Amino acid sequence: MKKICLFVVLIFGICSVMSSPKKIIFDTDMGNDVDDVIALDMLYKYQDAGLVDILGIISSKRETGSVKLIDAMGTIYGYPKIPLAITKTYASEQYVCRNKRKNYADFVVDKFSYNHTITDFDKVDDGYILLRKLLAASLEKDITIVAVGFSTNLARLIKSKGDEISPLSGLELIQKSVDKLVMMAGNFQVPKKEYNIYNDRFSATIVFEQWPTPIFFTDFELGYHILLPYTAIEQNFSYMDHHPVLESFNYYEKMPYNRPMWDATAVLFAVEPSKKYFSLSKSGYVTVTHSSVTYFYEDKKSNRYYYKVDDKQRMAIQRRLVSITKILPKSFSK
């Protein structure tokens, strides 16, 4: 146990031995922006260090390239047994791929011959079904859901009824098993529409209005001003040929470029909650207009909050993200 603690302290600067790993479910729109691959890299390294227990990973996209890339990364990082799921159909056809080029997840898995754990991607669970399974299996109210994509799976979970998985409704399962929801969504400090909202505004509205446990938001403005330098990508993912993180960045834009870290901050805040990295707004509630603009209104009776950072915290976050990219996964250090 002392050796484990020493490893975590040396690599992460914290020790988790005295407490259990955080149980995490990750819901991602892998393939839209490259901050998702950094967020997933972080989660696997947190699991290496014993800080988290990843219960499942869900794609909020229906393109199979998204879940294929997640599966390839899980296989590479040594976590082939983590359950994966995909959104089978969108809640509405509001979502349209506005970028005519192939998304980076499709490109990377098509071009490079990564090993896969899943042999039939058509048979992976629908997102909300896996959520029901994971929440039904939980014996305590200790799960953190980190959602950095569309709200489709979460809204379907809310609306789900009792079934062969559990007699409990989706809302009852959330109340039974979920401690909190951390979301990359909205734009509260400069109210305007945000990508994750306007791609499925109807689902986002359901989640913001009906989700029973506390929700913590990292919004567009926060992540936009936290840049991961290209040197961290080019230098720190060279330990294998055609690393999916590096290849995703290479395809997304012509390197070199620095990229905002919206989704990575959500993972950091969920796993390492510290005043060194953020402060919280007062409690309130969120509304979404017909044009997908989000507003936050303070209300002492509500349980929604958004993260805020000052310049000092912003620099601390950037340093932490860079330091995590430098860590060699356990699967490569044996």
Protein backbone atom coordinates (compact mmCIF):
# COMPACT_ATOMS: atom_id res chain seq x y z
CA MET A 1 0.00 0.00 0.00
CA LYS A 2 2.88 2.38 0.80
CA LYS A 3 4.38 1.70 -2.64
CA ILE A 4 1.08 2.51 -4.32
CA CYS A 5 0.78 5.73 -2.33
CA LEU A 6 4.35 6.69 -3.23
CA PHE A 7 3.62 6.10 -6.93
CA VAL A 8 0.53 8.30 -6.82
CA VAL A 9 2.30 11.07 -4.91
CA LEU A 10 5.28 11.07 -7.26
CA ILE A 11 3.17 11.08 -10.41
CA PHE A 12 0.06 13.01 -9.42
CA GLY A 13 1.08 14.87 -6.28
CA ILE A 14 -1.77 13.33 -4.27
CA CYS A 15 -2.43 10.11 -2.41
CA SER A 16 -5.68 8.14 -2.74
CA VAL A 17 -4.82 5.16 -0.55
CA MET A 18 -6.92 6.34 2.37
CA SER A 19 -10.06 6.58 0.24
CA SER A 20 -11.68 4.44 -2.42
CA PRO A 21 -11.28 5.29 -6.10
CA LYS A 22 -13.97 7.57 -7.52
CA LYS A 23 -16.48 5.59 -9.56
CA ILE A 24 -16.73 7.30 -12.95
CA ILE A 25 -19.00 6.93 -15.96
CA PHE A 26 -17.70 8.90 -18.95
CA ASP A 27 -20.11 10.14 -21.65
CA THR A 28 -18.22 11.63 -24.61
CA ASP A 29 -18.84 12.87 -28.16
CA MET A 30 -15.53 11.45 -29.33
CA GLY A 31 -14.77 12.62 -32.85
CA ASN A 32 -16.04 16.20 -32.70
CA ASP A 33 -13.18 17.96 -30.90
CA VAL A 34 -9.81 16.57 -29.89
CA ASP A 35 -10.11 17.54 -26.25
CA ASP A 36 -12.05 14.27 -25.84
CA VAL A 37 -8.97 12.14 -26.50
CA ILE A 38 -7.05 14.09 -23.85
CA ALA A 39 -9.91 13.63 -21.38
CA LEU A 40 -9.91 9.88 -22.04
CA ASP A 41 -6.11 9.69 -21.76
CA MET A 42 -6.42 11.38 -18.36
CA LEU A 43 -9.05 8.93 -17.13
CA TYR A 44 -6.96 5.89 -18.02
CA LYS A 45 -3.96 7.36 -16.23
CA TYR A 46 -6.09 8.19 -13.19
CA GLN A 47 -7.18 4.55 -13.21
CA ASP A 48 -3.53 3.48 -13.44
CA ALA A 49 -2.92 5.49 -10.27
CA GLY A 50 -5.91 4.04 -8.44
CA LEU A 51 -7.72 7.37 -8.30
CA VAL A 52 -10.74 6.28 -10.33
CA ASP A 53 -12.68 3.18 -11.23
CA ILE A 54 -14.08 3.68 -14.73
CA LEU A 55 -17.39 1.80 -14.73
CA GLY A 56 -18.27 2.47 -18.36
CA ILE A 57 -17.65 4.76 -21.33
CA ILE A 58 -20.45 5.93 -23.60
CA SER A 59 -20.38 7.72 -26.92
CA SER A 60 -23.11 10.31 -27.38
CA LYS A 61 -22.57 10.01 -31.15
CA ARG A 62 -24.09 7.34 -33.37
CA GLU A 63 -21.12 7.13 -35.77
CA THR A 64 -19.31 3.88 -34.99
CA GLY A 65 -15.88 5.49 -35.47
CA SER A 66 -16.42 7.17 -32.09
CA VAL A 67 -16.78 3.96 -30.10
CA LYS A 68 -14.12 2.23 -32.24
CA LEU A 69 -11.57 4.85 -31.23
CA ILE A 70 -12.58 4.53 -27.58
CA ASP A 71 -12.18 0.74 -27.85
CA ALA A 72 -8.76 1.10 -29.51
CA MET A 73 -7.56 3.41 -26.75
CA GLY A 74 -8.89 1.14 -24.03
CA THR A 75 -7.06 -1.79 -25.61
CA ILE A 76 -3.83 0.21 -25.92
CA TYR A 77 -3.99 1.48 -22.33
CA GLY A 78 -4.71 -1.97 -20.93
CA TYR A 79 -8.39 -1.58 -20.05
CA PRO A 80 -10.19 -3.80 -22.57
CA LYS A 81 -12.95 -4.89 -20.19
CA ILE A 82 -14.49 -1.48 -19.45
CA PRO A 83 -18.04 -1.64 -20.91
CA LEU A 84 -18.68 0.62 -23.90
CA ALA A 85 -21.89 1.91 -25.44
CA ILE A 86 -23.03 4.11 -28.30
CA THR A 87 -26.06 6.29 -29.01
CA LYS A 88 -28.07 4.17 -31.43
CA THR A 89 -30.32 6.99 -32.66
CA TYR A 90 -30.46 10.67 -31.86
CA ALA A 91 -33.34 12.04 -29.84
CA SER A 92 -34.06 14.40 -32.72
CA GLU A 93 -32.55 15.10 -36.08
CA GLN A 94 -31.44 18.50 -34.85
CA TYR A 95 -27.88 17.19 -34.90
CA VAL A 96 -26.24 17.64 -38.29
CA CYS A 97 -22.55 17.17 -39.00
CA ARG A 98 -21.67 20.74 -39.91
CA ASN A 99 -18.11 19.88 -40.81
CA LYS A 100 -17.98 18.22 -44.21
CA ARG A 101 -14.68 16.47 -43.54
CA LYS A 102 -14.67 13.05 -41.91
CA ASN A 103 -14.46 13.36 -38.13
CA TYR A 104 -11.11 12.48 -36.66
CA ALA A 105 -12.34 9.33 -34.89
CA ASP A 106 -13.52 7.79 -38.17
CA PHE A 107 -10.32 8.82 -39.91
CA VAL A 108 -7.94 7.50 -37.27
CA VAL A 109 -9.55 4.07 -36.90
CA ASP A 110 -9.87 3.69 -40.69
CA LYS A 111 -6.25 4.63 -41.44
CA PHE A 112 -4.38 2.84 -38.66
CA SER A 113 -4.59 -0.83 -37.74
CA TYR A 114 -5.16 -0.66 -34.00
CA ASN A 115 -6.00 -3.76 -32.03
CA HIS A 116 -9.61 -3.91 -30.87
CA THR A 117 -11.30 -5.72 -28.03
CA ILE A 118 -14.82 -5.54 -29.45
CA THR A 119 -15.42 -7.78 -32.46
CA ASP A 120 -18.95 -6.66 -33.36
CA PHE A 121 -19.63 -2.97 -32.81
CA ASP A 122 -23.27 -3.37 -33.86
CA LYS A 123 -23.87 -5.34 -30.67
CA VAL A 124 -22.65 -2.75 -28.17
CA ASP A 125 -25.34 -1.41 -25.85
CA ASP A 126 -27.35 1.71 -26.50
CA GLY A 127 -26.05 4.47 -24.24
CA TYR A 128 -28.97 4.76 -21.86
CA ILE A 129 -29.19 0.96 -21.56
CA LEU A 130 -25.61 0.76 -20.30
CA LEU A 131 -26.35 3.63 -17.91
CA ARG A 132 -29.30 1.67 -16.51
CA LYS A 133 -27.14 -1.45 -16.09
CA LEU A 134 -24.32 0.39 -14.33
CA LEU A 135 -26.62 2.33 -11.99
CA ALA A 136 -28.72 -0.75 -11.20
CA ALA A 137 -25.57 -2.69 -10.23
CA SER A 138 -24.40 0.00 -7.83
CA LEU A 139 -24.94 -0.62 -4.12
CA GLU A 140 -24.14 2.94 -3.01
CA LYS A 141 -24.85 6.50 -4.06
CA ASP A 142 -21.28 7.11 -5.11
CA ILE A 143 -21.09 7.37 -8.91
CA THR A 144 -19.90 10.50 -10.68
CA ILE A 145 -21.02 10.88 -14.29
CA VAL A 146 -18.74 13.06 -16.42
CA ALA A 147 -20.62 14.13 -19.55
CA VAL A 148 -18.71 16.10 -22.16
CA GLY A 149 -20.89 15.58 -25.22
CA PHE A 150 -24.57 15.77 -26.10
CA SER A 151 -27.18 15.16 -23.38
CA THR A 152 -28.99 12.47 -25.40
CA ASN A 153 -28.08 9.47 -23.25
CA LEU A 154 -28.75 11.30 -19.98
CA ALA A 155 -32.19 12.47 -21.10
CA ARG A 156 -33.13 8.98 -22.25
CA LEU A 157 -32.01 7.62 -18.90
CA ILE A 158 -34.28 10.12 -17.15
CA LYS A 159 -37.24 9.11 -19.31
CA SER A 160 -36.62 5.36 -19.07
CA LYS A 161 -39.09 3.11 -17.25
CA GLY A 162 -38.55 -0.02 -15.21
CA ASP A 163 -37.52 -3.02 -17.30
CA GLU A 164 -35.71 -6.37 -17.16
CA ILE A 165 -32.56 -4.53 -16.00
CA SER A 166 -34.27 -2.94 -13.00
CA PRO A 167 -37.82 -2.26 -11.87
CA LEU A 168 -36.71 1.27 -11.05
CA SER A 169 -37.26 4.17 -13.40
CA GLY A 170 -34.33 6.16 -14.70
CA LEU A 171 -34.94 8.94 -12.19
CA GLU A 172 -35.07 6.42 -9.36
CA LEU A 173 -31.81 4.81 -10.50
CA ILE A 174 -30.11 8.22 -10.59
CA GLN A 175 -31.34 9.06 -7.10
CA LYS A 176 -30.18 5.66 -5.85
CA SER A 177 -26.70 5.56 -7.36
CA VAL A 178 -25.43 8.95 -8.63
CA ASP A 179 -23.58 11.35 -6.36
CA LYS A 180 -23.14 14.12 -8.93
CA LEU A 181 -23.06 14.97 -12.60
CA VAL A 182 -20.17 16.99 -14.04
CA MET A 183 -20.97 18.45 -17.47
CA MET A 184 -19.12 20.36 -20.14
CA ALA A 185 -22.07 22.35 -21.41
CA GLY A 186 -23.43 25.85 -21.78
CA ASN A 187 -21.93 29.29 -21.59
CA PHE A 188 -22.95 31.18 -18.48
CA GLN A 189 -20.38 33.90 -18.08
CA VAL A 190 -20.97 35.13 -21.65
CA PRO A 191 -24.44 33.78 -22.47
CA LYS A 192 -24.57 32.42 -26.02
CA LYS A 193 -25.27 29.10 -27.69
CA GLU A 194 -22.77 26.32 -27.14
CA TYR A 195 -22.02 23.25 -29.28
CA ASN A 196 -23.12 20.52 -26.88
CA ILE A 197 -26.40 22.34 -26.27
CA TYR A 198 -27.52 23.23 -29.77
CA ASN A 199 -26.78 19.77 -31.14
CA ASP A 200 -29.46 18.33 -28.84
CA ARG A 201 -31.18 21.24 -27.13
CA PHE A 202 -34.24 19.17 -26.23
CA SER A 203 -32.24 16.59 -24.28
CA ALA A 204 -30.17 19.27 -22.56
CA THR A 205 -33.34 20.99 -21.37
CA ILE A 206 -34.67 17.73 -19.93
CA VAL A 207 -31.42 17.12 -18.03
CA PHE A 208 -31.13 20.67 -16.69
CA GLU A 209 -34.75 20.67 -15.49
CA GLN A 210 -35.21 17.11 -14.23
CA TRP A 211 -31.85 15.65 -13.16
CA PRO A 212 -32.30 15.03 -9.41
CA THR A 213 -28.69 15.20 -8.13
CA PRO A 214 -26.27 18.16 -8.13
CA ILE A 215 -24.90 19.24 -11.52
CA PHE A 216 -21.55 21.01 -11.88
CA PHE A 217 -20.88 22.77 -15.18
CA THR A 218 -17.62 23.65 -16.85
CA ASP A 219 -18.75 26.00 -19.58
CA PHE A 220 -17.42 27.10 -22.95
CA GLU A 221 -15.75 30.28 -21.72
CA LEU A 222 -13.76 28.46 -19.05
CA GLY A 223 -12.27 25.81 -21.32
CA TYR A 224 -11.70 28.20 -24.21
CA HIS A 225 -9.01 30.04 -22.27
CA ILE A 226 -7.13 26.92 -21.12
CA LEU A 227 -4.81 25.84 -23.92
CA LEU A 228 -2.87 22.61 -24.12
CA PRO A 229 0.39 23.45 -25.98
CA TYR A 230 1.16 21.45 -29.10
CA THR A 231 4.53 20.48 -27.62
CA ALA A 232 2.71 18.38 -25.01
CA ILE A 233 1.07 16.44 -27.82
CA GLU A 234 4.06 16.05 -30.10
CA GLN A 235 6.53 15.13 -27.37
CA ASN A 236 4.45 13.20 -24.85
CA PHE A 237 2.66 10.77 -27.17
CA SER A 238 5.69 9.59 -29.13
CA TYR A 239 6.13 6.41 -27.08
CA MET A 240 4.28 4.39 -29.76
CA ASP A 241 3.93 4.59 -33.51
CA HIS A 242 0.74 6.38 -34.58
CA HIS A 243 -0.57 7.03 -31.09
CA PRO A 244 -4.32 7.74 -31.47
CA VAL A 245 -4.04 10.97 -29.48
CA LEU A 246 -1.28 12.35 -31.71
CA GLU A 247 -2.95 11.13 -34.91
CA SER A 248 -6.26 12.68 -33.84
CA PHE A 249 -4.56 16.05 -33.37
CA ASN A 250 -2.69 15.68 -36.68
CA TYR A 251 -5.93 15.14 -38.59
CA TYR A 252 -8.08 17.65 -36.74
CA GLU A 253 -5.91 20.60 -37.78
CA LYS A 254 -2.49 21.00 -39.30
CA MET A 255 0.03 20.85 -36.49
CA PRO A 256 1.42 22.76 -34.68
CA TYR A 257 -1.47 24.38 -32.81
CA ASN A 258 -2.58 24.83 -29.20
CA ARG A 259 -6.07 23.57 -28.41
CA PRO A 260 -8.65 24.67 -25.80
CA MET A 261 -9.33 22.02 -23.17
CA TRP A 262 -13.06 22.06 -22.45
CA ASP A 263 -13.54 18.34 -21.75
CA ALA A 264 -10.23 17.81 -19.97
CA THR A 265 -11.18 20.39 -17.35
CA ALA A 266 -14.40 18.49 -16.61
CA VAL A 267 -12.38 15.34 -15.93
CA LEU A 268 -9.82 17.22 -13.82
CA PHE A 269 -12.49 18.91 -11.69
CA ALA A 270 -14.38 15.63 -11.19
CA VAL A 271 -11.33 13.65 -10.09
CA GLU A 272 -9.21 16.32 -8.39
CA PRO A 273 -11.60 18.85 -6.84
CA SER A 274 -9.34 21.53 -5.41
CA LYS A 275 -9.45 25.27 -4.76
CA LYS A 276 -6.10 25.31 -6.54
CA TYR A 277 -8.01 24.73 -9.78
CA PHE A 278 -11.42 26.37 -9.38
CA SER A 279 -14.05 28.06 -7.27
CA LEU A 280 -17.80 27.52 -7.53
CA SER A 281 -20.66 29.83 -8.36
CA LYS A 282 -23.59 30.13 -6.01
CA SER A 283 -26.33 27.57 -6.55
CA GLY A 284 -28.88 28.24 -9.23
CA TYR A 285 -30.82 26.84 -12.15
CA VAL A 286 -30.20 26.79 -15.89
CA THR A 287 -32.53 27.72 -18.72
CA VAL A 288 -32.08 27.09 -22.43
CA THR A 289 -33.70 29.38 -25.00
CA HIS A 290 -35.11 28.27 -28.35
CA SER A 291 -31.89 29.52 -29.94
CA SER A 292 -29.85 27.31 -27.55
CA VAL A 293 -28.51 30.15 -25.41
CA THR A 294 -27.99 29.13 -21.76
CA TYR A 295 -28.65 31.35 -18.75
CA PHE A 296 -27.79 30.70 -15.12
CA TYR A 297 -30.01 32.22 -12.41
CA GLU A 298 -28.99 32.09 -8.76
CA ASP A 299 -31.38 30.23 -6.49
CA LYS A 300 -30.57 28.99 -2.98
CA LYS A 301 -33.00 26.09 -3.40
CA SER A 302 -31.32 24.71 -6.51
CA ASN A 303 -28.41 22.29 -6.81
CA ARG A 304 -26.74 23.44 -10.02
CA TYR A 305 -23.35 25.20 -9.99
CA TYR A 306 -20.74 26.26 -12.50
CA TYR A 307 -16.97 26.29 -12.10
CA LYS A 308 -15.05 29.57 -12.15
CA VAL A 309 -11.31 30.11 -12.51
CA ASP A 310 -9.01 33.08 -12.10
CA ASP A 311 -5.70 33.60 -13.90
CA LYS A 312 -3.69 31.76 -11.24
CA GLN A 313 -6.03 28.76 -11.32
CA ARG A 314 -6.02 28.78 -15.11
CA MET A 315 -2.24 28.44 -15.17
CA ALA A 316 -2.36 25.69 -12.52
CA ILE A 317 -4.86 23.76 -14.65
CA GLN A 318 -2.69 24.07 -17.74
CA ARG A 319 0.38 22.85 -15.86
CA ARG A 320 -1.57 19.89 -14.48
CA LEU A 321 -2.88 18.88 -17.91
CA VAL A 322 0.61 19.06 -19.39
CA SER A 323 2.04 17.01 -16.53
CA ILE A 324 -0.57 14.28 -16.98
CA THR A 325 0.17 13.96 -20.71
CA LYS A 326 3.80 13.24 -19.76
CA ILE A 327 2.87 10.18 -17.70
CA LEU A 328 3.61 6.86 -19.38
CA PRO A 329 0.62 4.49 -19.11
CA LYS A 330 1.16 1.34 -17.06
CA SER A 331 0.64 -0.75 -20.18
CA PHE A 332 3.85 0.76 -21.61
CA SER A 333 5.91 0.81 -18.43
CA LYS A 334 6.02 -2.93 -17.81
